[in-house]
Structures are given as structure tokens and as C-alpha cells.
Amino acid sequence: MKVLELLPDLMASGVKAIKVEGRQRSKAYVAKVTRILRHALDTCFRNPDNFVADAEWIEQLNMLAEGSCHTLGAYHRPWQ
């Protein structure tokens, strides 16, 4: 869920797809995450150089996070 802040970098590097977690999640969860990500992507496509993740998107995603835990998965590892 931390991908919002990375969208311009991901676009610039040529990433064409983003995996949205959904297994063992409710339809409402998947719908909300997908809706926010779609809005963020559309905003970033319009102006990637000035893109800033909207605080409201982050707040809504924070409410969905289990145990207030976010991860960048394989993107960030302190040992790299």
C-alpha cells in the first residue's frame, strides 16, 4: 500500500503493472484499494513530475492496513 509515493519512479522505470493484494480480503477492501490506486495512477499519468500522493488517499489506506503495518515488500530492504 506504500506504492503511491513511488508511482512516478515506477512509471519512469517502465513498470507496466502493479499487484494489488486481494487474496483472503473482502470485496469491499479490494474495491477501496483499487479505487484509490486508480485515482492515484490517473493523477500521476497527468503530471508525473509534480505528483504528490494525496493525504486523503494515504489516510484511507491507513484505515485498511492490518495492525497499521505497511510494507514496500522487495522494493526496500535495509541490507541492500
PDB file of N, CA and C in Angstrom:
ATOM      1  N   MET A   1       0.808  -1.198   0.000  1.00  0.00           N
ATOM      2  CA  MET A   1       0.000   0.000   0.000  1.00  0.00           C
ATOM      3  C   MET A   1       0.849   1.259   0.000  1.00  0.00           C
ATOM      4  N   LYS A   2       2.136   1.105   0.150  1.00  0.00           N
ATOM      5  CA  LYS A   2       3.009   2.265   0.134  1.00  0.00           C
ATOM      6  C   LYS A   2       3.434   2.651  -1.273  1.00  0.00           C
ATOM      7  N   VAL A   3       2.873   2.036  -2.271  1.00  0.00           N
ATOM      8  CA  VAL A   3       3.289   2.263  -3.649  1.00  0.00           C
ATOM      9  C   VAL A   3       2.918   3.663  -4.146  1.00  0.00           C
ATOM     10  N   LEU A   4       1.966   4.327  -3.528  1.00  0.00           N
ATOM     11  CA  LEU A   4       1.522   5.632  -4.012  1.00  0.00           C
ATOM     12  C   LEU A   4       2.679   6.614  -4.139  1.00  0.00           C
ATOM     13  N   GLU A   5       3.531   6.659  -3.143  1.00  0.00           N
ATOM     14  CA  GLU A   5       4.632   7.614  -3.161  1.00  0.00           C
ATOM     15  C   GLU A   5       5.691   7.260  -4.200  1.00  0.00           C
ATOM     16  N   LEU A   6       5.672   6.022  -4.663  1.00  0.00           N
ATOM     17  CA  LEU A   6       6.673   5.557  -5.631  1.00  0.00           C
ATOM     18  C   LEU A   6       6.187   5.615  -7.081  1.00  0.00           C
ATOM     19  N   LEU A   7       4.952   5.979  -7.305  1.00  0.00           N
ATOM     20  CA  LEU A   7       4.379   5.905  -8.655  1.00  0.00           C
ATOM     21  C   LEU A   7       5.212   6.611  -9.723  1.00  0.00           C
ATOM     22  N   PRO A   8       5.667   7.846  -9.515  1.00  0.00           N
ATOM     23  CA  PRO A   8       6.464   8.483 -10.576  1.00  0.00           C
ATOM     24  C   PRO A   8       7.743   7.702 -10.903  1.00  0.00           C
ATOM     25  N   ASP A   9       8.414   7.193  -9.874  1.00  0.00           N
ATOM     26  CA  ASP A   9       9.637   6.420 -10.096  1.00  0.00           C
ATOM     27  C   ASP A   9       9.341   5.117 -10.824  1.00  0.00           C
ATOM     28  N   LEU A  10       8.261   4.466 -10.442  1.00  0.00           N
ATOM     29  CA  LEU A  10       7.889   3.210 -11.088  1.00  0.00           C
ATOM     30  C   LEU A  10       7.542   3.439 -12.559  1.00  0.00           C
ATOM     31  N   MET A  11       6.799   4.511 -12.833  1.00  0.00           N
ATOM     32  CA  MET A  11       6.448   4.837 -14.216  1.00  0.00           C
ATOM     33  C   MET A  11       7.704   5.135 -15.026  1.00  0.00           C
ATOM     34  N   ALA A  12       8.610   5.915 -14.451  1.00  0.00           N
ATOM     35  CA  ALA A  12       9.835   6.292 -15.161  1.00  0.00           C
ATOM     36  C   ALA A  12      10.714   5.082 -15.453  1.00  0.00           C
ATOM     37  N   SER A  13      10.644   4.077 -14.601  1.00  0.00           N
ATOM     38  CA  SER A  13      11.478   2.887 -14.799  1.00  0.00           C
ATOM     39  C   SER A  13      10.847   1.882 -15.757  1.00  0.00           C
ATOM     40  N   GLY A  14       9.616   2.163 -16.190  1.00  0.00           N
ATOM     41  CA  GLY A  14       8.970   1.296 -17.166  1.00  0.00           C
ATOM     42  C   GLY A  14       8.038   0.244 -16.601  1.00  0.00           C
ATOM     43  N   VAL A  15       7.738   0.312 -15.314  1.00  0.00           N
ATOM     44  CA  VAL A  15       6.805  -0.651 -14.719  1.00  0.00           C
ATOM     45  C   VAL A  15       5.444  -0.499 -15.382  1.00  0.00           C
ATOM     46  N   LYS A  16       4.869  -1.615 -15.796  1.00  0.00           N
ATOM     47  CA  LYS A  16       3.584  -1.605 -16.503  1.00  0.00           C
ATOM     48  C   LYS A  16       2.436  -2.198 -15.690  1.00  0.00           C
ATOM     49  N   ALA A  17       2.742  -2.854 -14.572  1.00  0.00           N
ATOM     50  CA  ALA A  17       1.696  -3.491 -13.772  1.00  0.00           C
ATOM     51  C   ALA A  17       2.058  -3.415 -12.296  1.00  0.00           C
ATOM     52  N   ILE A  18       1.046  -3.290 -11.469  1.00  0.00           N
ATOM     53  CA  ILE A  18       1.207  -3.278 -10.021  1.00  0.00           C
ATOM     54  C   ILE A  18       0.261  -4.324  -9.450  1.00  0.00           C
ATOM     55  N   LYS A  19       0.776  -5.192  -8.623  1.00  0.00           N
ATOM     56  CA  LYS A  19      -0.031  -6.225  -7.989  1.00  0.00           C
ATOM     57  C   LYS A  19      -0.785  -5.615  -6.821  1.00  0.00           C
ATOM     58  N   VAL A  20      -2.081  -5.798  -6.823  1.00  0.00           N
ATOM     59  CA  VAL A  20      -2.925  -5.347  -5.726  1.00  0.00           C
ATOM     60  C   VAL A  20      -3.322  -6.578  -4.923  1.00  0.00           C
ATOM     61  N   GLU A  21      -2.984  -6.548  -3.634  1.00  0.00           N
ATOM     62  CA  GLU A  21      -3.330  -7.700  -2.813  1.00  0.00           C
ATOM     63  C   GLU A  21      -4.846  -7.857  -2.762  1.00  0.00           C
ATOM     64  N   GLY A  22      -5.294  -9.090  -2.760  1.00  0.00           N
ATOM     65  CA  GLY A  22      -6.721  -9.321  -2.721  1.00  0.00           C
ATOM     66  C   GLY A  22      -7.098 -10.680  -2.175  1.00  0.00           C
ATOM     67  N   ARG A  23      -6.151 -11.589  -2.174  1.00  0.00           N
ATOM     68  CA  ARG A  23      -6.428 -12.927  -1.662  1.00  0.00           C
ATOM     69  C   ARG A  23      -6.791 -12.831  -0.186  1.00  0.00           C
ATOM     70  N   GLN A  24      -7.845 -13.489   0.176  1.00  0.00           N
ATOM     71  CA  GLN A  24      -8.351 -13.521   1.541  1.00  0.00           C
ATOM     72  C   GLN A  24      -8.706 -12.132   2.055  1.00  0.00           C
ATOM     73  N   ARG A  25      -9.103 -11.265   1.167  1.00  0.00           N
ATOM     74  CA  ARG A  25      -9.573  -9.925   1.518  1.00  0.00           C
ATOM     75  C   ARG A  25     -11.025  -9.802   1.081  1.00  0.00           C
ATOM     76  N   SER A  26     -11.738  -8.913   1.713  1.00  0.00           N
ATOM     77  CA  SER A  26     -13.139  -8.719   1.355  1.00  0.00           C
ATOM     78  C   SER A  26     -13.245  -7.976   0.027  1.00  0.00           C
ATOM     79  N   LYS A  27     -14.401  -8.105  -0.599  1.00  0.00           N
ATOM     80  CA  LYS A  27     -14.652  -7.367  -1.842  1.00  0.00           C
ATOM     81  C   LYS A  27     -14.591  -5.864  -1.586  1.00  0.00           C
ATOM     82  N   ALA A  28     -15.068  -5.447  -0.432  1.00  0.00           N
ATOM     83  CA  ALA A  28     -15.050  -4.020  -0.090  1.00  0.00           C
ATOM     84  C   ALA A  28     -13.616  -3.509   0.023  1.00  0.00           C
ATOM     85  N   TYR A  29     -12.735  -4.304   0.629  1.00  0.00           N
ATOM     86  CA  TYR A  29     -11.324  -3.941   0.766  1.00  0.00           C
ATOM     87  C   TYR A  29     -10.694  -3.777  -0.612  1.00  0.00           C
ATOM     88  N   VAL A  30     -10.853  -4.769  -1.459  1.00  0.00           N
ATOM     89  CA  VAL A  30     -10.258  -4.741  -2.795  1.00  0.00           C
ATOM     90  C   VAL A  30     -10.812  -3.566  -3.597  1.00  0.00           C
ATOM     91  N   ALA A  31     -12.105  -3.320  -3.490  1.00  0.00           N
ATOM     92  CA  ALA A  31     -12.728  -2.214  -4.221  1.00  0.00           C
ATOM     93  C   ALA A  31     -12.148  -0.878  -3.778  1.00  0.00           C
ATOM     94  N   LYS A  32     -11.993  -0.681  -2.482  1.00  0.00           N
ATOM     95  CA  LYS A  32     -11.491   0.598  -1.981  1.00  0.00           C
ATOM     96  C   LYS A  32     -10.026   0.804  -2.379  1.00  0.00           C
ATOM     97  N   VAL A  33      -9.201  -0.209  -2.207  1.00  0.00           N
ATOM     98  CA  VAL A  33      -7.790  -0.093  -2.571  1.00  0.00           C
ATOM     99  C   VAL A  33      -7.652   0.171  -4.072  1.00  0.00           C
ATOM    100  N   THR A  34      -8.409  -0.557  -4.869  1.00  0.00           N
ATOM    101  CA  THR A  34      -8.346  -0.398  -6.325  1.00  0.00           C
ATOM    102  C   THR A  34      -8.814   0.987  -6.743  1.00  0.00           C
ATOM    103  N   ARG A  35      -9.863   1.479  -6.122  1.00  0.00           N
ATOM    104  CA  ARG A  35     -10.386   2.813  -6.449  1.00  0.00           C
ATOM    105  C   ARG A  35      -9.335   3.890  -6.146  1.00  0.00           C
ATOM    106  N   ILE A  36      -8.696   3.798  -5.000  1.00  0.00           N
ATOM    107  CA  ILE A  36      -7.682   4.778  -4.624  1.00  0.00           C
ATOM    108  C   ILE A  36      -6.477   4.682  -5.562  1.00  0.00           C
ATOM    109  N   LEU A  37      -6.032   3.476  -5.847  1.00  0.00           N
ATOM    110  CA  LEU A  37      -4.890   3.297  -6.736  1.00  0.00           C
ATOM    111  C   LEU A  37      -5.201   3.808  -8.139  1.00  0.00           C
ATOM    112  N   ARG A  38      -6.389   3.540  -8.639  1.00  0.00           N
ATOM    113  CA  ARG A  38      -6.763   4.031  -9.972  1.00  0.00           C
ATOM    114  C   ARG A  38      -6.723   5.551 -10.018  1.00  0.00           C
ATOM    115  N   HIS A  39      -7.257   6.186  -8.981  1.00  0.00           N
ATOM    116  CA  HIS A  39      -7.262   7.649  -8.920  1.00  0.00           C
ATOM    117  C   HIS A  39      -5.824   8.178  -8.865  1.00  0.00           C
ATOM    118  N   ALA A  40      -4.977   7.548  -8.058  1.00  0.00           N
ATOM    119  CA  ALA A  40      -3.579   7.968  -7.950  1.00  0.00           C
ATOM    120  C   ALA A  40      -2.854   7.797  -9.281  1.00  0.00           C
ATOM    121  N   LEU A  41      -3.078   6.667  -9.947  1.00  0.00           N
ATOM    122  CA  LEU A  41      -2.441   6.424 -11.244  1.00  0.00           C
ATOM    123  C   LEU A  41      -2.861   7.467 -12.273  1.00  0.00           C
ATOM    124  N   ASP A  42      -4.153   7.748 -12.338  1.00  0.00           N
ATOM    125  CA  ASP A  42      -4.646   8.748 -13.289  1.00  0.00           C
ATOM    126  C   ASP A  42      -4.018  10.111 -13.016  1.00  0.00           C
ATOM    127  N   THR A  43      -3.923  10.476 -11.747  1.00  0.00           N
ATOM    128  CA  THR A  43      -3.319  11.750 -11.363  1.00  0.00           C
ATOM    129  C   THR A  43      -1.842  11.774 -11.735  1.00  0.00           C
ATOM    130  N   CYS A  44      -1.147  10.696 -11.478  1.00  0.00           N
ATOM    131  CA  CYS A  44       0.285  10.616 -11.784  1.00  0.00           C
ATOM    132  C   CYS A  44       0.527  10.652 -13.293  1.00  0.00           C
ATOM    133  N   PHE A  45      -0.296   9.964 -14.072  1.00  0.00           N
ATOM    134  CA  PHE A  45      -0.145   9.978 -15.534  1.00  0.00           C
ATOM    135  C   PHE A  45      -0.291  11.386 -16.085  1.00  0.00           C
ATOM    136  N   ARG A  46      -1.192  12.175 -15.502  1.00  0.00           N
ATOM    137  CA  ARG A  46      -1.428  13.535 -15.985  1.00  0.00           C
ATOM    138  C   ARG A  46      -0.226  14.442 -15.755  1.00  0.00           C
ATOM    139  N   ASN A  47       0.485  14.250 -14.628  1.00  0.00           N
ATOM    140  CA  ASN A  47       1.581  15.150 -14.306  1.00  0.00           C
ATOM    141  C   ASN A  47       2.586  14.448 -13.389  1.00  0.00           C
ATOM    142  N   PRO A  48       3.358  13.516 -13.929  1.00  0.00           N
ATOM    143  CA  PRO A  48       4.270  12.734 -13.083  1.00  0.00           C
ATOM    144  C   PRO A  48       5.358  13.560 -12.395  1.00  0.00           C
ATOM    145  N   ASP A  49       5.781  14.659 -13.020  1.00  0.00           N
ATOM    146  CA  ASP A  49       6.853  15.462 -12.433  1.00  0.00           C
ATOM    147  C   ASP A  49       6.430  16.186 -11.160  1.00  0.00           C
ATOM    148  N   ASN A  50       5.154  16.450 -11.020  1.00  0.00           N
ATOM    149  CA  ASN A  50       4.651  17.172  -9.845  1.00  0.00           C
ATOM    150  C   ASN A  50       3.718  16.320  -8.986  1.00  0.00           C
ATOM    151  N   PHE A  51       3.734  15.019  -9.198  1.00  0.00           N
ATOM    152  CA  PHE A  51       2.833  14.138  -8.451  1.00  0.00           C
ATOM    153  C   PHE A  51       3.214  14.067  -6.976  1.00  0.00           C
ATOM    154  N   VAL A  52       2.211  14.209  -6.137  1.00  0.00           N
ATOM    155  CA  VAL A  52       2.353  14.021  -4.695  1.00  0.00           C
ATOM    156  C   VAL A  52       1.150  13.187  -4.254  1.00  0.00           C
ATOM    157  N   ALA A  53       1.416  12.136  -3.505  1.00  0.00           N
ATOM    158  CA  ALA A  53       0.326  11.294  -3.024  1.00  0.00           C
ATOM    159  C   ALA A  53      -0.582  12.123  -2.116  1.00  0.00           C
ATOM    160  N   ASP A  54      -1.853  12.107  -2.402  1.00  0.00           N
ATOM    161  CA  ASP A  54      -2.842  12.863  -1.640  1.00  0.00           C
ATOM    162  C   ASP A  54      -2.943  12.312  -0.224  1.00  0.00           C
ATOM    163  N   ALA A  55      -2.937  13.189   0.750  1.00  0.00           N
ATOM    164  CA  ALA A  55      -3.011  12.774   2.157  1.00  0.00           C
ATOM    165  C   ALA A  55      -4.288  11.989   2.442  1.00  0.00           C
ATOM    166  N   GLU A  56      -5.382  12.322   1.759  1.00  0.00           N
ATOM    167  CA  GLU A  56      -6.639  11.596   1.960  1.00  0.00           C
ATOM    168  C   GLU A  56      -6.527  10.149   1.479  1.00  0.00           C
ATOM    169  N   TRP A  57      -5.829   9.913   0.360  1.00  0.00           N
ATOM    170  CA  TRP A  57      -5.628   8.533  -0.115  1.00  0.00           C
ATOM    171  C   TRP A  57      -4.875   7.731   0.936  1.00  0.00           C
ATOM    172  N   ILE A  58      -3.813   8.348   1.448  1.00  0.00           N
ATOM    173  CA  ILE A  58      -2.983   7.654   2.437  1.00  0.00           C
ATOM    174  C   ILE A  58      -3.776   7.388   3.710  1.00  0.00           C
ATOM    175  N   GLU A  59      -4.557   8.352   4.133  1.00  0.00           N
ATOM    176  CA  GLU A  59      -5.386   8.172   5.334  1.00  0.00           C
ATOM    177  C   GLU A  59      -6.383   7.028   5.141  1.00  0.00           C
ATOM    178  N   GLN A  60      -7.029   6.985   3.973  1.00  0.00           N
ATOM    179  CA  GLN A  60      -7.987   5.910   3.705  1.00  0.00           C
ATOM    180  C   GLN A  60      -7.292   4.550   3.684  1.00  0.00           C
ATOM    181  N   LEU A  61      -6.121   4.471   3.086  1.00  0.00           N
ATOM    182  CA  LEU A  61      -5.383   3.211   3.057  1.00  0.00           C
ATOM    183  C   LEU A  61      -4.888   2.823   4.446  1.00  0.00           C
ATOM    184  N   ASN A  62      -4.509   3.812   5.252  1.00  0.00           N
ATOM    185  CA  ASN A  62      -4.075   3.531   6.616  1.00  0.00           C
ATOM    186  C   ASN A  62      -5.190   2.875   7.425  1.00  0.00           C
ATOM    187  N   MET A  63      -6.416   3.280   7.167  1.00  0.00           N
ATOM    188  CA  MET A  63      -7.551   2.691   7.889  1.00  0.00           C
ATOM    189  C   MET A  63      -7.758   1.230   7.502  1.00  0.00           C
ATOM    190  N   LEU A  64      -7.283   0.831   6.331  1.00  0.00           N
ATOM    191  CA  LEU A  64      -7.436  -0.548   5.870  1.00  0.00           C
ATOM    192  C   LEU A  64      -6.294  -1.453   6.296  1.00  0.00           C
ATOM    193  N   ALA A  65      -5.152  -0.860   6.646  1.00  0.00           N
ATOM    194  CA  ALA A  65      -3.958  -1.643   6.957  1.00  0.00           C
ATOM    195  C   ALA A  65      -4.156  -2.447   8.238  1.00  0.00           C
ATOM    196  N   GLU A  66      -3.736  -3.681   8.198  1.00  0.00           N
ATOM    197  CA  GLU A  66      -3.817  -4.532   9.382  1.00  0.00           C
ATOM    198  C   GLU A  66      -2.703  -4.165  10.342  1.00  0.00           C
ATOM    199  N   GLY A  67      -3.076  -3.858  11.568  1.00  0.00           N
ATOM    200  CA  GLY A  67      -2.070  -3.533  12.574  1.00  0.00           C
ATOM    201  C   GLY A  67      -1.257  -2.301  12.237  1.00  0.00           C
ATOM    202  N   SER A  68      -1.822  -1.405  11.427  1.00  0.00           N
ATOM    203  CA  SER A  68      -1.130  -0.189  10.995  1.00  0.00           C
ATOM    204  C   SER A  68       0.240  -0.499  10.400  1.00  0.00           C
ATOM    205  N   CYS A  69       0.363  -1.634   9.745  1.00  0.00           N
ATOM    206  CA  CYS A  69       1.635  -2.060   9.167  1.00  0.00           C
ATOM    207  C   CYS A  69       1.618  -1.864   7.656  1.00  0.00           C
ATOM    208  N   HIS A  70       2.647  -1.211   7.160  1.00  0.00           N
ATOM    209  CA  HIS A  70       2.811  -1.008   5.723  1.00  0.00           C
ATOM    210  C   HIS A  70       4.136  -1.598   5.305  1.00  0.00           C
ATOM    211  N   THR A  71       4.213  -1.983   4.070  1.00  0.00           N
ATOM    212  CA  THR A  71       5.471  -2.548   3.591  1.00  0.00           C
ATOM    213  C   THR A  71       5.726  -2.120   2.159  1.00  0.00           C
ATOM    214  N   LEU A  72       6.986  -2.052   1.823  1.00  0.00           N
ATOM    215  CA  LEU A  72       7.386  -1.837   0.444  1.00  0.00           C
ATOM    216  C   LEU A  72       7.844  -3.149  -0.168  1.00  0.00           C
ATOM    217  N   GLY A  73       7.620  -4.240   0.571  1.00  0.00           N
ATOM    218  CA  GLY A  73       7.957  -5.556   0.056  1.00  0.00           C
ATOM    219  C   GLY A  73       9.414  -5.639  -0.357  1.00  0.00           C
ATOM    220  N   ALA A  74       9.652  -6.181  -1.527  1.00  0.00           N
ATOM    221  CA  ALA A  74      11.026  -6.370  -2.008  1.00  0.00           C
ATOM    222  C   ALA A  74      11.675  -5.064  -2.446  1.00  0.00           C
ATOM    223  N   TYR A  75      10.903  -3.999  -2.574  1.00  0.00           N
ATOM    224  CA  TYR A  75      11.473  -2.726  -3.042  1.00  0.00           C
ATOM    225  C   TYR A  75      12.493  -2.159  -2.064  1.00  0.00           C
ATOM    226  N   HIS A  76      12.229  -2.312  -0.775  1.00  0.00           N
ATOM    227  CA  HIS A  76      13.136  -1.747   0.235  1.00  0.00           C
ATOM    228  C   HIS A  76      13.580  -2.829   1.208  1.00  0.00           C
ATOM    229  N   ARG A  77      14.843  -3.030   1.258  1.00  0.00           N
ATOM    230  CA  ARG A  77      15.440  -3.948   2.222  1.00  0.00           C
ATOM    231  C   ARG A  77      16.622  -3.226   2.855  1.00  0.00           C
ATOM    232  N   PRO A  78      16.677  -3.125   4.187  1.00  0.00           N
ATOM    233  CA  PRO A  78      17.764  -2.378   4.817  1.00  0.00           C
ATOM    234  C   PRO A  78      19.135  -2.971   4.540  1.00  0.00           C
ATOM    235  N   TRP A  79      19.219  -4.244   4.178  1.00  0.00           N
ATOM    236  CA  TRP A  79      20.501  -4.891   3.922  1.00  0.00           C
ATOM    237  C   TRP A  79      21.000  -4.669   2.507  1.00  0.00           C
ATOM    238  N   GLN A  80      20.233  -4.017   1.650  1.00  0.00           N
ATOM    239  CA  GLN A  80      20.685  -3.807   0.269  1.00  0.00           C
ATOM    240  C   GLN A  80      21.746  -2.740   0.202  1.00  0.00           C
TER     241      GLN A  80
END
